[in-house]
Amino acid sequence: PDPDSEDYTAYLQWYHFGEASLGPYITMAMGHKVLLPEQFRIESMAKWGKKEAHKCFDAMAEPLSKHDYLLPTGFSAADISCGYMILLAKFAKIFDGAPEPVVAWFDRIAARPAWQKATSV
């Protein structure tokens, strides 16, 4: 949104939420569940990352229960930022039990033609 828009503050919040809030918890869980060699994994770190990530999913559920995307004005880079982190949460096998509005939102993101093109290998 335009910097003069009333949605701009929310846009900045959600845009940075992906990397600054979701990112550390999801990557911690992913590292200790799937990336690190087994002898270096710490189960309590994986559980902590999942627990904190789910708190973030809960925060996302509030706007997503009202709108199709994080902003009422529609799809934005904020959805891309958070959507990428949710993809990593799925890779880390910690997305199970996420709130329904977040699951439905991710399904909408993943169904977009650009997402399909970017994720086809």
Protein backbone atom coordinates (compact mmCIF):
# COMPACT_ATOMS: atom_id res chain seq x y z
CA PRO A 1 0.00 0.00 0.00
CA ASP A 2 0.93 3.61 -0.46
CA PRO A 3 2.82 5.06 2.54
CA ASP A 4 -0.05 7.52 3.03
CA SER A 5 -2.58 4.69 3.20
CA GLU A 6 -4.24 3.78 6.49
CA ASP A 7 -3.09 0.18 5.88
CA TYR A 8 0.59 1.09 5.66
CA THR A 9 1.36 0.60 9.35
CA ALA A 10 -0.28 -2.84 9.33
CA TYR A 11 1.56 -3.62 6.10
CA LEU A 12 4.92 -2.85 7.71
CA GLN A 13 4.01 -4.92 10.77
CA TRP A 14 3.05 -8.01 8.76
CA TYR A 15 5.82 -7.57 6.19
CA HIS A 16 8.47 -7.72 8.93
CA PHE A 17 6.53 -10.28 10.98
CA GLY A 18 7.56 -13.01 8.54
CA GLU A 19 11.30 -12.64 9.05
CA ALA A 20 11.44 -11.05 12.51
CA SER A 21 8.74 -13.01 14.35
CA LEU A 22 8.02 -16.24 12.49
CA GLY A 23 11.52 -16.72 11.10
CA PRO A 24 13.57 -17.31 14.24
CA TYR A 25 11.12 -19.80 15.73
CA ILE A 26 10.51 -21.74 12.54
CA THR A 27 14.18 -21.98 11.64
CA MET A 28 15.03 -23.07 15.19
CA ALA A 29 12.47 -25.86 14.98
CA MET A 30 13.52 -26.78 11.44
CA GLY A 31 17.17 -26.94 12.42
CA HIS A 32 16.55 -29.18 15.39
CA LYS A 33 13.94 -31.38 13.67
CA VAL A 34 15.26 -31.88 10.13
CA LEU A 35 18.39 -29.94 9.16
CA LEU A 36 21.03 -30.63 11.76
CA PRO A 37 22.69 -34.04 11.91
CA GLU A 38 20.82 -36.10 14.51
CA GLN A 39 23.67 -36.01 17.03
CA PHE A 40 23.44 -32.20 17.15
CA ARG A 41 19.65 -31.88 17.42
CA ILE A 42 18.19 -30.72 20.70
CA GLU A 43 14.59 -31.87 21.08
CA SER A 44 13.71 -29.14 23.58
CA MET A 45 14.82 -26.47 21.09
CA ALA A 46 12.62 -27.98 18.38
CA LYS A 47 9.65 -28.05 20.77
CA TRP A 48 10.29 -24.48 21.89
CA GLY A 49 10.48 -23.25 18.30
CA LYS A 50 7.21 -25.00 17.45
CA LYS A 51 5.45 -23.62 20.54
CA GLU A 52 6.54 -20.06 19.79
CA ALA A 53 5.73 -20.40 16.08
CA HIS A 54 2.21 -21.46 17.02
CA LYS A 55 1.83 -18.29 19.08
CA CYS A 56 2.69 -16.39 15.91
CA PHE A 57 0.16 -18.44 13.91
CA ASP A 58 -2.45 -17.49 16.52
CA ALA A 59 -1.60 -13.79 16.02
CA MET A 60 -2.03 -14.20 12.26
CA ALA A 61 -5.43 -15.86 12.69
CA GLU A 62 -7.09 -12.65 13.90
CA PRO A 63 -6.80 -10.62 10.67
CA LEU A 64 -7.11 -13.76 8.52
CA SER A 65 -10.45 -14.59 10.12
CA LYS A 66 -11.73 -11.27 8.72
CA HIS A 67 -9.96 -11.01 5.36
CA ASP A 68 -8.57 -13.31 2.67
CA TYR A 69 -5.09 -11.83 3.13
CA LEU A 70 -3.19 -10.15 5.96
CA LEU A 71 -4.39 -6.70 4.87
CA PRO A 72 -8.02 -5.82 4.22
CA THR A 73 -6.93 -4.30 0.88
CA GLY A 74 -5.77 -7.70 -0.39
CA PHE A 75 -2.62 -9.55 -1.33
CA SER A 76 0.71 -7.80 -0.65
CA ALA A 77 4.39 -8.43 -0.03
CA ALA A 78 3.42 -9.04 3.61
CA ASP A 79 1.65 -12.21 2.48
CA ILE A 80 4.75 -13.28 0.55
CA SER A 81 7.00 -12.72 3.57
CA CYS A 82 4.78 -14.66 5.95
CA GLY A 83 3.84 -17.23 3.32
CA TYR A 84 7.45 -18.20 2.80
CA MET A 85 7.84 -18.77 6.52
CA ILE A 86 4.74 -20.95 6.58
CA LEU A 87 6.25 -23.00 3.76
CA LEU A 88 9.31 -23.51 5.96
CA ALA A 89 7.03 -24.44 8.87
CA LYS A 90 5.53 -27.13 6.66
CA PHE A 91 9.02 -28.38 5.77
CA ALA A 92 9.86 -28.41 9.49
CA LYS A 93 6.68 -30.40 10.15
CA ILE A 94 5.42 -27.87 12.72
CA PHE A 95 2.42 -26.42 10.87
CA ASP A 96 0.04 -29.14 12.04
CA GLY A 97 -2.61 -27.74 14.37
CA ALA A 98 -2.31 -24.19 13.00
CA PRO A 99 -5.54 -22.15 13.21
CA GLU A 100 -7.96 -22.74 10.34
CA PRO A 101 -7.82 -19.14 9.04
CA VAL A 102 -4.03 -19.45 8.67
CA VAL A 103 -4.29 -22.83 6.94
CA ALA A 104 -6.95 -21.49 4.52
CA TRP A 105 -4.83 -18.38 3.85
CA PHE A 106 -1.76 -20.50 3.07
CA ASP A 107 -3.85 -22.62 0.70
CA ARG A 108 -4.92 -19.41 -1.10
CA ILE A 109 -1.30 -18.25 -1.32
CA ALA A 110 -0.11 -21.63 -2.61
CA ALA A 111 -2.86 -21.71 -5.26
CA ARG A 112 -1.74 -18.42 -6.84
CA PRO A 113 -0.20 -18.89 -10.32
CA ALA A 114 2.99 -17.03 -9.37
CA TRP A 115 3.46 -19.29 -6.31
CA GLN A 116 2.91 -22.35 -8.48
CA LYS A 117 5.50 -21.12 -10.96
CA ALA A 118 8.03 -20.18 -8.24
CA THR A 119 7.74 -23.48 -6.39
CA SER A 120 7.73 -25.86 -9.35
CA VAL A 121 11.12 -27.49 -9.64
